[in-house]
Protein backbone atom coordinates (compact mmCIF):
# COMPACT_ATOMS: atom_id res chain seq x y z
CA UNK A 1 -121.94 7.57 3.94
CA UNK A 2 -123.84 4.41 4.79
CA UNK A 3 -127.35 4.13 3.42
CA UNK A 4 -130.13 3.50 5.87
CA UNK A 5 -132.23 0.36 5.48
CA UNK A 6 -135.30 2.44 4.71
CA UNK A 7 -133.67 4.47 1.99
CA UNK A 8 -131.69 1.71 0.27
CA UNK A 9 -133.57 0.17 -2.64
CA UNK A 10 -130.98 -2.43 -3.74
CA UNK A 11 -131.43 -6.14 -3.26
CA UNK A 12 -129.00 -8.41 -1.43
CA UNK A 13 -126.75 -8.61 -4.50
CA UNK A 14 -126.57 -4.86 -4.87
CA UNK A 15 -128.82 -4.74 -7.97
CA UNK A 16 -131.66 -2.37 -8.65
CA UNK A 17 -135.14 -3.94 -8.43
CA UNK A 18 -136.97 -4.67 -11.66
CA UNK A 19 -139.55 -1.90 -11.24
CA UNK A 20 -136.86 0.80 -11.29
CA UNK A 21 -135.82 1.64 -14.81
CA UNK A 22 -132.75 3.55 -15.99
CA UNK A 23 -135.08 6.47 -16.66
CA UNK A 24 -135.71 6.75 -12.93
CA UNK A 25 -132.13 6.34 -11.83
CA UNK A 26 -131.45 10.05 -11.56
CA UNK A 27 -134.53 10.64 -9.39
CA UNK A 28 -133.64 7.97 -6.83
CA UNK A 29 -129.87 8.44 -6.89
CA UNK A 30 -129.74 10.57 -3.72
CA UNK A 31 -131.58 7.90 -1.77
CA UNK A 32 -129.40 5.13 -3.16
CA UNK A 33 -126.48 7.07 -1.76
CA UNK A 34 -128.19 7.37 1.59
CA UNK A 35 -129.14 11.05 1.17
CA UNK A 36 -132.89 10.74 1.53
CA UNK A 37 -134.62 14.07 1.16
CA UNK A 38 -136.63 15.21 4.14
CA UNK A 39 -139.22 16.68 1.84
CA UNK A 40 -139.73 13.47 -0.18
CA UNK A 41 -143.40 12.49 0.09
CA UNK A 42 -143.93 15.30 2.60
CA UNK A 43 -146.98 17.55 2.80
CA UNK A 44 -146.75 21.31 2.51
CA UNK A 45 -144.99 22.70 5.56
CA UNK A 46 -143.55 19.34 6.61
CA UNK A 47 -140.01 20.74 6.62
CA UNK A 48 -140.85 22.39 9.92
CA UNK A 49 -142.24 19.17 11.42
CA UNK A 50 -139.33 16.74 11.83
CA UNK A 51 -141.42 13.80 12.95
CA UNK A 52 -143.77 14.07 10.00
CA UNK A 53 -140.93 14.64 7.54
CA UNK A 54 -139.22 11.48 8.71
CA UNK A 55 -142.45 9.55 8.31
CA UNK A 56 -142.89 10.71 4.74
CA UNK A 57 -139.27 10.00 3.89
CA UNK A 58 -139.89 6.32 4.59
CA UNK A 59 -141.99 5.89 1.46
CA UNK A 60 -145.18 6.58 -0.41
CA UNK A 61 -147.17 3.67 0.95
CA UNK A 62 -145.78 3.65 4.49
CA UNK A 63 -148.55 3.27 7.02
CA UNK A 64 -146.92 5.92 9.20
CA UNK A 65 -147.46 8.38 6.37
CA UNK A 66 -151.09 7.53 5.91
CA UNK A 67 -151.85 7.69 9.62
CA UNK A 68 -151.04 11.42 9.58
CA UNK A 69 -154.20 11.94 7.51
CA UNK A 70 -157.32 10.81 9.32
CA UNK A 71 -160.65 10.22 7.61
CA UNK A 72 -161.80 13.77 8.36
CA UNK A 73 -158.73 15.24 6.64
CA UNK A 74 -159.18 12.93 3.65
CA UNK A 75 -162.85 13.91 3.37
CA UNK A 76 -161.90 17.60 3.45
CA UNK A 77 -159.41 17.12 0.61
CA UNK A 78 -161.90 15.07 -1.40
CA UNK A 79 -164.64 17.69 -1.02
CA UNK A 80 -162.27 20.38 -2.24
CA UNK A 81 -161.15 18.51 -5.35
CA UNK A 82 -164.68 17.26 -6.10
CA UNK A 83 -165.87 20.88 -6.17
CA UNK A 84 -163.08 21.73 -8.60
CA UNK A 85 -164.01 18.73 -10.78
CA UNK A 86 -167.69 19.72 -10.68
CA UNK A 87 -166.73 23.21 -11.86
CA UNK A 88 -164.89 21.84 -14.90
CA UNK A 89 -167.56 19.22 -15.68
CA UNK A 90 -170.42 21.75 -15.44
CA UNK A 91 -168.79 24.05 -17.97
CA UNK A 92 -168.83 21.29 -20.60
CA UNK A 93 -172.63 20.95 -20.41
CA UNK A 94 -173.92 24.40 -19.41
CA UNK A 95 -172.83 26.15 -22.62
CA UNK A 96 -174.81 24.19 -25.24
CA UNK A 97 -178.29 25.65 -24.45
CA UNK A 98 -176.88 29.19 -24.60
CA UNK A 99 -175.24 28.91 -28.03
CA UNK A 100 -178.15 30.31 -30.09
CA UNK A 101 -178.44 33.32 -27.77
CA UNK A 102 -174.66 33.82 -27.85
CA UNK A 103 -174.59 33.79 -31.65
CA UNK A 104 -177.47 36.26 -31.86
CA UNK A 105 -176.01 38.58 -29.20
CA UNK A 106 -172.53 38.66 -30.72
CA UNK A 107 -173.88 38.73 -34.30
CA UNK A 108 -171.87 35.74 -35.51
CA UNK A 109 -173.59 32.43 -36.21
CA UNK A 110 -171.16 31.06 -38.80
CA UNK A 111 -168.30 30.51 -36.34
CA UNK A 112 -170.42 29.52 -33.34
CA UNK A 113 -169.09 25.95 -33.28
CA UNK A 114 -165.68 27.30 -32.24
CA UNK A 115 -167.12 28.13 -28.82
CA UNK A 116 -167.25 24.37 -28.19
CA UNK A 117 -164.26 23.35 -30.32
CA UNK A 118 -161.85 25.80 -28.63
CA UNK A 119 -162.58 24.35 -25.20
CA UNK A 120 -162.17 20.79 -26.48
CA UNK A 121 -158.86 21.49 -28.22
CA UNK A 122 -157.35 23.33 -25.26
CA UNK A 123 -158.55 20.79 -22.68
CA UNK A 124 -157.21 17.85 -24.68
CA UNK A 125 -153.81 19.50 -25.13
CA UNK A 126 -153.57 20.59 -21.47
CA UNK A 127 -154.42 17.22 -19.91
CA UNK A 128 -151.03 15.44 -20.25
CA UNK A 129 -149.12 18.68 -19.68
CA UNK A 130 -150.71 19.41 -16.30
CA UNK A 131 -150.32 15.79 -15.25
CA UNK A 132 -146.58 15.99 -15.89
CA UNK A 133 -146.30 19.38 -14.19
CA UNK A 134 -147.97 18.01 -11.07
CA UNK A 135 -145.29 15.30 -10.90
CA UNK A 136 -142.61 18.01 -11.08
CA UNK A 137 -144.00 20.84 -8.95
CA UNK A 138 -146.56 19.12 -6.73
CA UNK A 139 -150.34 18.63 -6.93
CA UNK A 140 -151.37 21.64 -4.84
CA UNK A 141 -149.49 24.31 -6.79
CA UNK A 142 -150.58 23.00 -10.20
CA UNK A 143 -154.20 22.41 -9.13
CA UNK A 144 -154.42 26.00 -7.86
CA UNK A 145 -152.90 27.20 -11.14
CA UNK A 146 -155.48 25.22 -13.15
CA UNK A 147 -158.40 26.61 -11.13
CA UNK A 148 -157.04 30.17 -11.41
CA UNK A 149 -156.68 29.84 -15.21
CA UNK A 150 -160.23 28.51 -15.39
CA UNK A 151 -161.58 31.49 -13.42
CA UNK A 152 -159.69 34.03 -15.56
CA UNK A 153 -161.00 32.30 -18.69
CA UNK A 154 -164.56 32.46 -17.34
CA UNK A 155 -164.26 36.22 -16.73
CA UNK A 156 -162.90 36.70 -20.25
CA UNK A 157 -165.86 34.74 -21.67
CA UNK A 158 -168.44 36.70 -19.67
CA UNK A 159 -167.02 40.07 -20.79
CA UNK A 160 -166.34 39.07 -24.41
CA UNK A 161 -167.42 41.84 -26.84
CA UNK A 162 -167.08 39.61 -29.92
CA UNK A 163 -167.39 35.93 -30.68
CA UNK A 164 -163.66 35.44 -31.29
CA UNK A 165 -162.80 37.01 -27.94
CA UNK A 166 -165.27 34.53 -26.44
CA UNK A 167 -163.50 31.72 -28.32
CA UNK A 168 -160.15 32.81 -26.84
CA UNK A 169 -161.74 32.89 -23.39
CA UNK A 170 -163.11 29.39 -23.92
CA UNK A 171 -159.63 28.19 -24.91
CA UNK A 172 -158.30 29.64 -21.65
CA UNK A 173 -161.11 27.89 -19.78
CA UNK A 174 -160.18 24.67 -21.53
CA UNK A 175 -156.56 24.95 -20.40
CA UNK A 176 -157.72 25.21 -16.78
CA UNK A 177 -160.48 22.62 -17.06
CA UNK A 178 -158.19 20.17 -18.85
CA UNK A 179 -155.74 20.39 -15.95
CA UNK A 180 -158.27 19.98 -13.14
CA UNK A 181 -159.47 16.44 -13.95
CA UNK A 182 -156.14 14.53 -14.17
CA UNK A 183 -154.74 16.32 -11.12
CA UNK A 184 -157.88 15.55 -9.10
CA UNK A 185 -157.67 11.86 -10.03
CA UNK A 186 -153.97 11.88 -9.14
CA UNK A 187 -154.70 13.46 -5.75
CA UNK A 188 -157.10 10.60 -4.98
CA UNK A 189 -154.24 8.24 -5.87
CA UNK A 190 -151.92 10.13 -3.51
CA UNK A 191 -154.39 9.88 -0.63
CA UNK A 192 -155.48 6.27 -0.95
CA UNK A 193 -153.93 2.93 -1.78
CA UNK A 194 -155.07 1.25 -5.03
CA UNK A 195 -157.24 -1.14 -3.02
CA UNK A 196 -159.07 1.80 -1.43
CA UNK A 197 -159.43 3.98 -4.52
CA UNK A 198 -162.27 2.26 -6.41
CA UNK A 199 -164.99 3.37 -4.00
CA UNK A 200 -163.75 6.95 -3.83
CA UNK A 201 -163.13 7.18 -7.57
CA UNK A 202 -166.75 6.12 -8.12
CA UNK A 203 -167.92 9.17 -6.18
CA UNK A 204 -166.58 11.33 -9.00
CA UNK A 205 -169.04 9.55 -11.31
CA UNK A 206 -171.91 10.89 -9.20
CA UNK A 207 -170.45 14.38 -9.50
CA UNK A 208 -170.24 14.06 -13.30
CA UNK A 209 -173.83 12.80 -13.42
CA UNK A 210 -174.99 15.83 -11.44
CA UNK A 211 -173.07 18.16 -13.77
CA UNK A 212 -174.45 16.41 -16.88
CA UNK A 213 -178.03 16.80 -15.68
CA UNK A 214 -177.79 20.20 -13.99
CA UNK A 215 -175.67 21.87 -16.70
CA UNK A 216 -178.24 21.97 -19.53
CA UNK A 217 -181.07 22.91 -17.14
CA UNK A 218 -179.09 25.72 -15.50
CA UNK A 219 -177.72 26.94 -18.83
CA UNK A 220 -181.19 27.11 -20.35
CA UNK A 221 -182.68 28.88 -17.32
CA UNK A 222 -179.95 31.53 -17.06
CA UNK A 223 -180.02 32.21 -20.79
CA UNK A 224 -183.79 32.41 -21.12
CA UNK A 225 -184.65 34.39 -18.00
CA UNK A 226 -181.47 36.41 -17.28
CA UNK A 227 -178.46 36.66 -19.65
CA UNK A 228 -176.13 34.16 -21.33
CA UNK A 229 -173.04 35.76 -19.74
CA UNK A 230 -174.18 34.43 -16.35
CA UNK A 231 -173.25 30.89 -17.40
CA UNK A 232 -169.67 32.15 -17.18
CA UNK A 233 -170.03 34.60 -14.27
CA UNK A 234 -171.37 31.78 -12.10
CA UNK A 235 -167.93 30.17 -12.28
CA UNK A 236 -166.28 33.09 -10.47
CA UNK A 237 -167.82 32.63 -6.98
CA UNK A 238 -167.82 28.84 -7.36
CA UNK A 239 -164.21 28.92 -8.52
CA UNK A 240 -163.21 31.20 -5.64
CA UNK A 241 -164.73 28.76 -3.14
CA UNK A 242 -162.98 25.84 -4.87
CA UNK A 243 -159.71 27.78 -4.84
CA UNK A 244 -159.88 28.51 -1.11
CA UNK A 245 -161.05 24.99 -0.18
CA UNK A 246 -158.44 23.36 -2.38
CA UNK A 247 -155.64 25.58 -1.10
CA UNK A 248 -156.42 24.79 2.54
CA UNK A 249 -157.16 21.10 2.03
CA UNK A 250 -154.12 20.28 -0.09
CA UNK A 251 -151.64 21.70 2.43
CA UNK A 252 -151.92 18.30 4.15
CA UNK A 253 -151.50 16.32 0.95
CA UNK A 254 -148.50 13.95 0.67
CA UNK A 255 -145.94 15.04 -1.92
CA UNK A 256 -144.39 12.61 -4.44
CA UNK A 257 -142.72 14.97 -6.89
CA UNK A 258 -139.11 14.45 -7.99
CA UNK A 259 -136.57 16.90 -9.45
CA UNK A 260 -137.70 16.14 -13.01
CA UNK A 261 -137.13 18.41 -15.98
CA UNK A 262 -139.98 19.16 -18.36
CA UNK A 263 -139.12 18.13 -21.91
CA UNK A 264 -140.45 21.25 -23.63
CA UNK A 265 -139.69 19.96 -27.13
CA UNK A 266 -141.45 16.65 -26.48
CA UNK A 267 -144.42 18.37 -24.86
CA UNK A 268 -144.66 20.82 -27.76
CA UNK A 269 -144.57 18.04 -30.37
CA UNK A 270 -147.28 16.04 -28.57
CA UNK A 271 -149.56 19.06 -28.12
CA UNK A 272 -149.02 20.22 -31.72
CA UNK A 273 -149.70 16.74 -33.12
CA UNK A 274 -152.94 16.48 -31.14
CA UNK A 275 -154.11 20.01 -32.02
CA UNK A 276 -153.49 19.56 -35.75
CA UNK A 277 -155.34 16.22 -35.72
CA UNK A 278 -158.27 17.67 -33.76
CA UNK A 279 -158.49 20.61 -36.18
CA UNK A 280 -158.71 18.15 -39.07
CA UNK A 281 -161.47 16.26 -37.27
CA UNK A 282 -163.32 19.47 -36.39
CA UNK A 283 -163.22 20.83 -39.95
CA UNK A 284 -163.54 17.57 -41.91
CA UNK A 285 -166.98 17.15 -43.48
CA UNK A 286 -168.09 20.55 -42.17
CA UNK A 287 -165.92 23.39 -43.41
CA UNK A 288 -163.93 21.27 -45.88
CA UNK A 289 -164.50 17.95 -47.61
CA UNK A 290 -162.61 15.00 -46.13
CA UNK A 291 -160.59 14.60 -49.33
CA UNK A 292 -159.79 18.31 -49.66
CA UNK A 293 -156.14 19.44 -49.66
CA UNK A 294 -156.69 21.27 -46.34
CA UNK A 295 -157.85 18.18 -44.44
CA UNK A 296 -155.41 15.80 -46.10
CA UNK A 297 -152.59 18.25 -45.36
CA UNK A 298 -153.60 18.57 -41.69
CA UNK A 299 -153.77 14.79 -41.24
CA UNK A 300 -150.38 14.36 -42.93
CA UNK A 301 -148.88 17.12 -40.77
CA UNK A 302 -150.27 15.47 -37.64
CA UNK A 303 -148.76 12.14 -38.69
CA UNK A 304 -145.34 13.74 -39.17
CA UNK A 305 -145.56 15.43 -35.76
CA UNK A 306 -146.51 12.13 -34.08
CA UNK A 307 -143.47 10.46 -35.67
CA UNK A 308 -141.23 13.28 -34.45
CA UNK A 309 -142.74 12.94 -30.98
CA UNK A 310 -142.02 9.19 -30.96
CA UNK A 311 -138.41 9.87 -32.00
CA UNK A 312 -138.11 12.44 -29.23
CA UNK A 313 -139.38 9.93 -26.67
CA UNK A 314 -136.69 7.48 -27.75
CA UNK A 315 -133.84 9.99 -27.63
CA UNK A 316 -134.64 12.56 -24.92
CA UNK A 317 -132.62 12.27 -21.66
CA UNK A 318 -135.89 12.57 -19.74
CA UNK A 319 -138.84 12.23 -22.15
CA UNK A 320 -142.20 13.92 -21.64
CA UNK A 321 -143.80 10.50 -21.05
CA UNK A 322 -141.22 8.28 -19.30
CA UNK A 323 -140.29 5.21 -21.31
CA UNK A 324 -140.57 3.17 -18.10
CA UNK A 325 -144.30 4.00 -18.14
CA UNK A 326 -144.75 3.33 -21.85
CA UNK A 327 -142.95 -0.02 -21.74
CA UNK A 328 -145.37 -1.44 -19.18
CA UNK A 329 -147.78 -3.80 -20.95
CA UNK A 330 -150.59 -2.96 -18.54
CA UNK A 331 -150.23 0.77 -19.24
CA UNK A 332 -150.28 0.18 -23.01
CA UNK A 333 -153.33 -2.08 -22.83
CA UNK A 334 -155.25 0.30 -20.54
CA UNK A 335 -154.52 3.30 -22.78
CA UNK A 336 -155.91 1.38 -25.78
CA UNK A 337 -158.92 0.30 -23.72
CA UNK A 338 -159.64 3.86 -22.61
CA UNK A 339 -159.19 5.20 -26.14
CA UNK A 340 -161.88 2.94 -27.60
CA UNK A 341 -164.22 2.51 -24.61
CA UNK A 342 -164.36 6.06 -23.25
CA UNK A 343 -164.12 7.42 -26.78
CA UNK A 344 -167.21 5.41 -27.73
CA UNK A 345 -169.09 6.64 -24.66
CA UNK A 346 -168.30 10.24 -25.64
CA UNK A 347 -169.35 9.52 -29.21
CA UNK A 348 -172.66 7.99 -28.14
CA UNK A 349 -173.37 10.93 -25.85
CA UNK A 350 -173.04 13.25 -28.86
CA UNK A 351 -174.83 11.05 -31.43
CA UNK A 352 -177.72 9.64 -29.35
CA UNK A 353 -179.63 12.98 -29.23
CA UNK A 354 -179.31 13.25 -33.02
CA UNK A 355 -180.54 9.68 -33.41
CA UNK A 356 -183.52 10.31 -31.12
CA UNK A 357 -184.55 13.44 -33.02
CA UNK A 358 -183.80 12.41 -36.61
CA UNK A 359 -184.80 8.74 -36.53
CA UNK A 360 -187.36 8.44 -33.73
CA UNK A 361 -188.74 11.96 -34.11
CA UNK A 362 -188.55 12.72 -30.39
CA UNK A 363 -188.77 16.29 -29.12
CA UNK A 364 -185.74 17.83 -27.38
CA UNK A 365 -187.31 17.34 -23.95
CA UNK A 366 -187.91 13.67 -24.65
CA UNK A 367 -184.38 13.25 -26.00
CA UNK A 368 -183.03 14.71 -22.77
CA UNK A 369 -184.87 12.06 -20.77
CA UNK A 370 -183.23 9.30 -22.78
CA UNK A 371 -179.80 10.92 -22.45
CA UNK A 372 -180.31 11.30 -18.69
CA UNK A 373 -181.11 7.57 -18.55
CA UNK A 374 -177.79 6.86 -20.27
CA UNK A 375 -175.87 9.12 -17.86
CA UNK A 376 -177.61 7.61 -14.83
CA UNK A 377 -176.81 4.11 -16.08
CA UNK A 378 -173.17 5.04 -16.61
CA UNK A 379 -172.98 6.41 -13.07
CA UNK A 380 -174.58 3.29 -11.56
CA UNK A 381 -172.15 1.10 -13.49
CA UNK A 382 -169.16 3.15 -12.37
CA UNK A 383 -170.18 3.02 -8.70
CA UNK A 384 -170.92 -0.71 -8.81
CA UNK A 385 -167.57 -1.41 -10.47
CA UNK A 386 -165.78 0.69 -7.88
CA UNK A 387 -167.25 -1.32 -5.03
CA UNK A 388 -166.62 -4.63 -6.83
CA UNK A 389 -162.98 -3.85 -7.61
CA UNK A 390 -162.26 -3.27 -3.93
CA UNK A 391 -163.43 -6.83 -3.14
CA UNK A 392 -162.67 -8.94 -6.24
CA UNK A 393 -159.15 -10.13 -7.07
CA UNK A 394 -160.30 -10.90 -10.65
CA UNK A 395 -161.51 -7.35 -11.27
CA UNK A 396 -161.39 -7.58 -15.09
CA UNK A 397 -164.60 -9.60 -15.12
CA UNK A 398 -166.77 -6.59 -14.23
CA UNK A 399 -165.78 -4.33 -17.16
CA UNK A 400 -165.67 -7.26 -19.60
CA UNK A 401 -169.20 -8.37 -18.69
CA UNK A 402 -170.34 -4.74 -18.93
CA UNK A 403 -168.81 -4.37 -22.39
CA UNK A 404 -170.52 -7.56 -23.55
CA UNK A 405 -173.89 -6.24 -22.36
CA UNK A 406 -173.39 -2.88 -24.06
CA UNK A 407 -172.31 -4.54 -27.33
CA UNK A 408 -175.43 -6.77 -27.28
CA UNK A 409 -177.71 -3.76 -26.77
CA UNK A 410 -176.01 -1.80 -29.53
CA UNK A 411 -176.54 -4.78 -31.81
CA UNK A 412 -180.23 -4.67 -30.92
CA UNK A 413 -180.34 -0.99 -31.87
CA UNK A 414 -178.55 -1.72 -35.15
CA UNK A 415 -181.08 -4.38 -36.19
CA UNK A 416 -183.96 -1.89 -36.42
CA UNK A 417 -183.01 1.64 -35.34
CA UNK A 418 -186.47 3.09 -36.11
CA UNK A 419 -188.55 0.59 -34.09
CA UNK A 420 -188.22 1.83 -30.50
CA UNK A 421 -190.52 3.73 -28.14
CA UNK A 422 -189.36 6.41 -25.73
CA UNK A 423 -189.77 4.06 -22.75
CA UNK A 424 -187.94 1.28 -24.58
CA UNK A 425 -185.03 3.47 -25.62
CA UNK A 426 -184.70 4.87 -22.08
CA UNK A 427 -184.54 1.35 -20.62
CA UNK A 428 -182.06 0.24 -23.27
CA UNK A 429 -179.78 3.23 -22.73
CA UNK A 430 -179.98 2.83 -18.95
CA UNK A 431 -178.71 -0.76 -19.16
CA UNK A 432 -176.13 0.06 -21.84
CA UNK A 433 -174.83 2.92 -19.71
CA UNK A 434 -174.56 0.58 -16.70
CA UNK A 435 -172.47 -1.77 -18.85
CA UNK A 436 -170.13 1.01 -19.99
CA UNK A 437 -169.82 2.81 -16.64
CA UNK A 438 -167.19 0.43 -15.18
CA UNK A 439 -164.68 1.60 -17.80
CA UNK A 440 -164.17 4.91 -15.98
CA UNK A 441 -162.91 3.69 -12.57
CA UNK A 442 -161.31 0.54 -13.97
CA UNK A 443 -158.98 2.24 -16.44
CA UNK A 444 -157.96 4.95 -13.95
CA UNK A 445 -157.32 2.65 -11.00
CA UNK A 446 -155.47 -0.05 -12.95
CA UNK A 447 -153.03 2.39 -14.58
CA UNK A 448 -152.35 4.13 -11.25
CA UNK A 449 -151.76 0.76 -9.60
CA UNK A 450 -148.84 -0.17 -11.85
CA UNK A 451 -146.82 3.06 -11.99
CA UNK A 452 -144.50 4.59 -9.41
CA UNK A 453 -146.06 7.31 -7.22
CA UNK A 454 -143.94 10.05 -8.80
CA UNK A 455 -145.26 9.02 -12.25
CA UNK A 456 -148.93 8.90 -11.23
CA UNK A 457 -149.72 12.38 -12.55
CA UNK A 458 -148.03 11.70 -15.88
CA UNK A 459 -149.77 8.33 -16.32
CA UNK A 460 -153.19 9.72 -15.35
CA UNK A 461 -152.77 12.71 -17.66
CA UNK A 462 -151.69 10.46 -20.53
CA UNK A 463 -154.71 8.18 -20.01
CA UNK A 464 -157.13 11.14 -19.99
CA UNK A 465 -155.44 12.59 -23.05
CA UNK A 466 -156.00 9.43 -25.09
CA UNK A 467 -159.56 9.12 -23.76
CA UNK A 468 -160.40 12.57 -25.09
CA UNK A 469 -158.48 11.99 -28.31
CA UNK A 470 -160.44 8.77 -28.80
CA UNK A 471 -163.68 10.66 -28.23
CA UNK A 472 -162.77 13.28 -30.84
CA UNK A 473 -161.80 10.68 -33.44
CA UNK A 474 -164.84 8.48 -32.81
CA UNK A 475 -167.23 11.45 -32.89
CA UNK A 476 -165.72 12.41 -36.24
CA UNK A 477 -166.13 8.83 -37.49
CA UNK A 478 -169.78 8.73 -36.38
CA UNK A 479 -170.41 12.12 -38.00
CA UNK A 480 -168.86 10.94 -41.28
CA UNK A 481 -171.11 7.86 -41.25
CA UNK A 482 -174.26 9.94 -40.72
CA UNK A 483 -173.28 12.51 -43.34
CA UNK A 484 -172.38 9.75 -45.78
CA UNK A 485 -175.84 8.24 -45.39
CA UNK A 486 -177.62 11.56 -45.89
CA UNK A 487 -178.38 13.41 -49.07
CA UNK A 488 -175.79 15.80 -50.44
CA UNK A 489 -177.91 18.82 -49.55
CA UNK A 490 -177.75 18.09 -45.81
CA UNK A 491 -175.09 19.58 -43.53
CA UNK A 492 -174.27 19.23 -39.85
CA UNK A 493 -176.42 22.31 -39.21
CA UNK A 494 -179.37 20.36 -40.59
CA UNK A 495 -178.42 17.35 -38.48
CA UNK A 496 -178.52 19.52 -35.37
CA UNK A 497 -182.19 20.26 -36.03
CA UNK A 498 -185.19 18.35 -34.79
CA UNK A 499 -186.96 17.61 -38.05
CA UNK A 500 -188.08 14.00 -38.36
CA UNK A 501 -186.42 12.08 -41.20
CA UNK A 502 -186.46 8.57 -39.80
CA UNK A 503 -186.42 6.60 -43.02
CA UNK A 504 -183.59 8.64 -44.47
CA UNK A 505 -181.31 8.37 -41.43
CA UNK A 506 -182.19 4.94 -40.02
CA UNK A 507 -179.69 3.15 -42.26
CA UNK A 508 -176.94 5.65 -41.39
CA UNK A 509 -177.46 5.24 -37.65
CA UNK A 510 -177.51 1.45 -38.06
CA UNK A 511 -173.88 1.74 -39.18
CA UNK A 512 -173.15 4.14 -36.30
CA UNK A 513 -174.29 1.50 -33.80
CA UNK A 514 -172.37 -1.23 -35.64
CA UNK A 515 -169.23 0.93 -35.54
CA UNK A 516 -169.79 1.58 -31.82
CA UNK A 517 -170.05 -2.17 -31.19
CA UNK A 518 -166.81 -2.74 -33.13
CA UNK A 519 -164.99 -0.06 -31.12
CA UNK A 520 -166.22 -1.58 -27.86
CA UNK A 521 -165.09 -5.02 -29.05
CA UNK A 522 -161.59 -3.61 -29.61
CA UNK A 523 -161.73 -2.15 -26.09
CA UNK A 524 -162.72 -5.59 -24.78
CA UNK A 525 -159.79 -7.27 -26.54
CA UNK A 526 -157.40 -4.71 -25.06
CA UNK A 527 -158.89 -5.22 -21.59
CA UNK A 528 -158.43 -8.99 -21.92
CA UNK A 529 -154.72 -8.34 -22.49
CA UNK A 530 -154.43 -6.49 -19.16
CA UNK A 531 -152.52 -8.42 -16.51
CA UNK A 532 -154.52 -8.48 -13.27
CA UNK A 533 -151.93 -7.26 -10.81
CA UNK A 534 -153.31 -7.24 -7.25
CA UNK A 535 -154.40 -3.82 -6.05
CA UNK A 536 -151.97 -2.63 -3.42
CA UNK A 537 -153.15 -1.84 0.08
CA UNK A 538 -151.66 0.34 2.74
CA UNK A 539 -148.11 -0.53 3.61
CA UNK A 540 -147.56 -2.33 0.30
CA UNK A 541 -145.05 -0.78 -2.10
């Protein structure tokens, strides 16, 4: 059978192009033989629409494909996935104000931290898994599964008779929430060319800002005036709307999946290695001393599991993370950048309220104002970077300048942590947030720009996984610094209070800000190593 010009990917000498690795050979073999699948890159139901199927079979970036989705259809899809993202983002911020009431109601204060930890562990583990599954089974099916799991987890949380049932419900929520974000970002990549994505990706920053501000307010109101279970019940109608909107909207979504096989052993090793490490970080310095046999054993076990995972990647016929993706220098540099930059942002979000209360003696309401300033600044920076990336060929300059600004402001905080007013700290955090905000769209768009469409979900999930892992490790590092600078009688429960102990903690937080500046410097070095490959537009492969 003679291959058609559109389906043949060989050059004039009959060789495979450089961007197709041996790992991908099995997935493109039918097309190399001229047996292009009619469902390749096709939306749901395209098998019954010959004209549309043929258009999608021509390729992921073919302009004929993209013309089938007008701006109204794209907006409908974006609204659906933004609602799903808002649902997952809100749940990360709405729970904190309700924790005291939850502990009192369920008569268990000692294990209350697991309500937060369970969600974090499950979401971190689920992120790369759902990204890979979306590459295998399609975005729509896996997104609907993630939303459904999230809703079931919310119902389990709302009806929990004991704290540990609530913890299990939160873990189920985390599985769903951890799948929603990478799939949503991948859907944006499916809809738009890399050159068009920055602006639309920046809209998600606005959604996260709204969730960050609304979550604590709504959680406090529902807990104080109604009942804490409503912070979970509210997810049911919102989730149902998101489920219906997403189901209808994503029927028009292009499909890029290939007949991959999920490497269950590789996935299990990666998830187990991450969970064991996160348990060590969650327990270290709180339940057990850092040098205790339990923590040392967990860290050693995690190290062994990571080595086994690396060996599995090298030997598996089709590894969980394709080696073609891992070998790309841009992917490696962006993953390191996201690990340190986004991890530091997460760490600062956790530690800044403690700094404001313990060192500056601010009340919780005043601390929230400063944290809102940081979130607003991050959002402004993300939106500005998104617009700039769409216009600037040298797009690395924006995040690098932002990192330099943030490092300078952290250095200012480190010089004299106790000498700042509320207005001054709000202004400082607003500007620092604006400097760090570009890291969100930049890392996502750059990594999606360099991988094949059928690897977009895997690459996006991997990036988000290492972002969250970086956040967990950096939060643990910051916590160890603060505990190390405090007296032996203080615990993390004391640190969570609002008592003013500025002189005692100022020196500890000075080292927190120095460490944050060092982490951001490492992120900057990794970003400098990123090759600025032009963002593809429509019709460009």
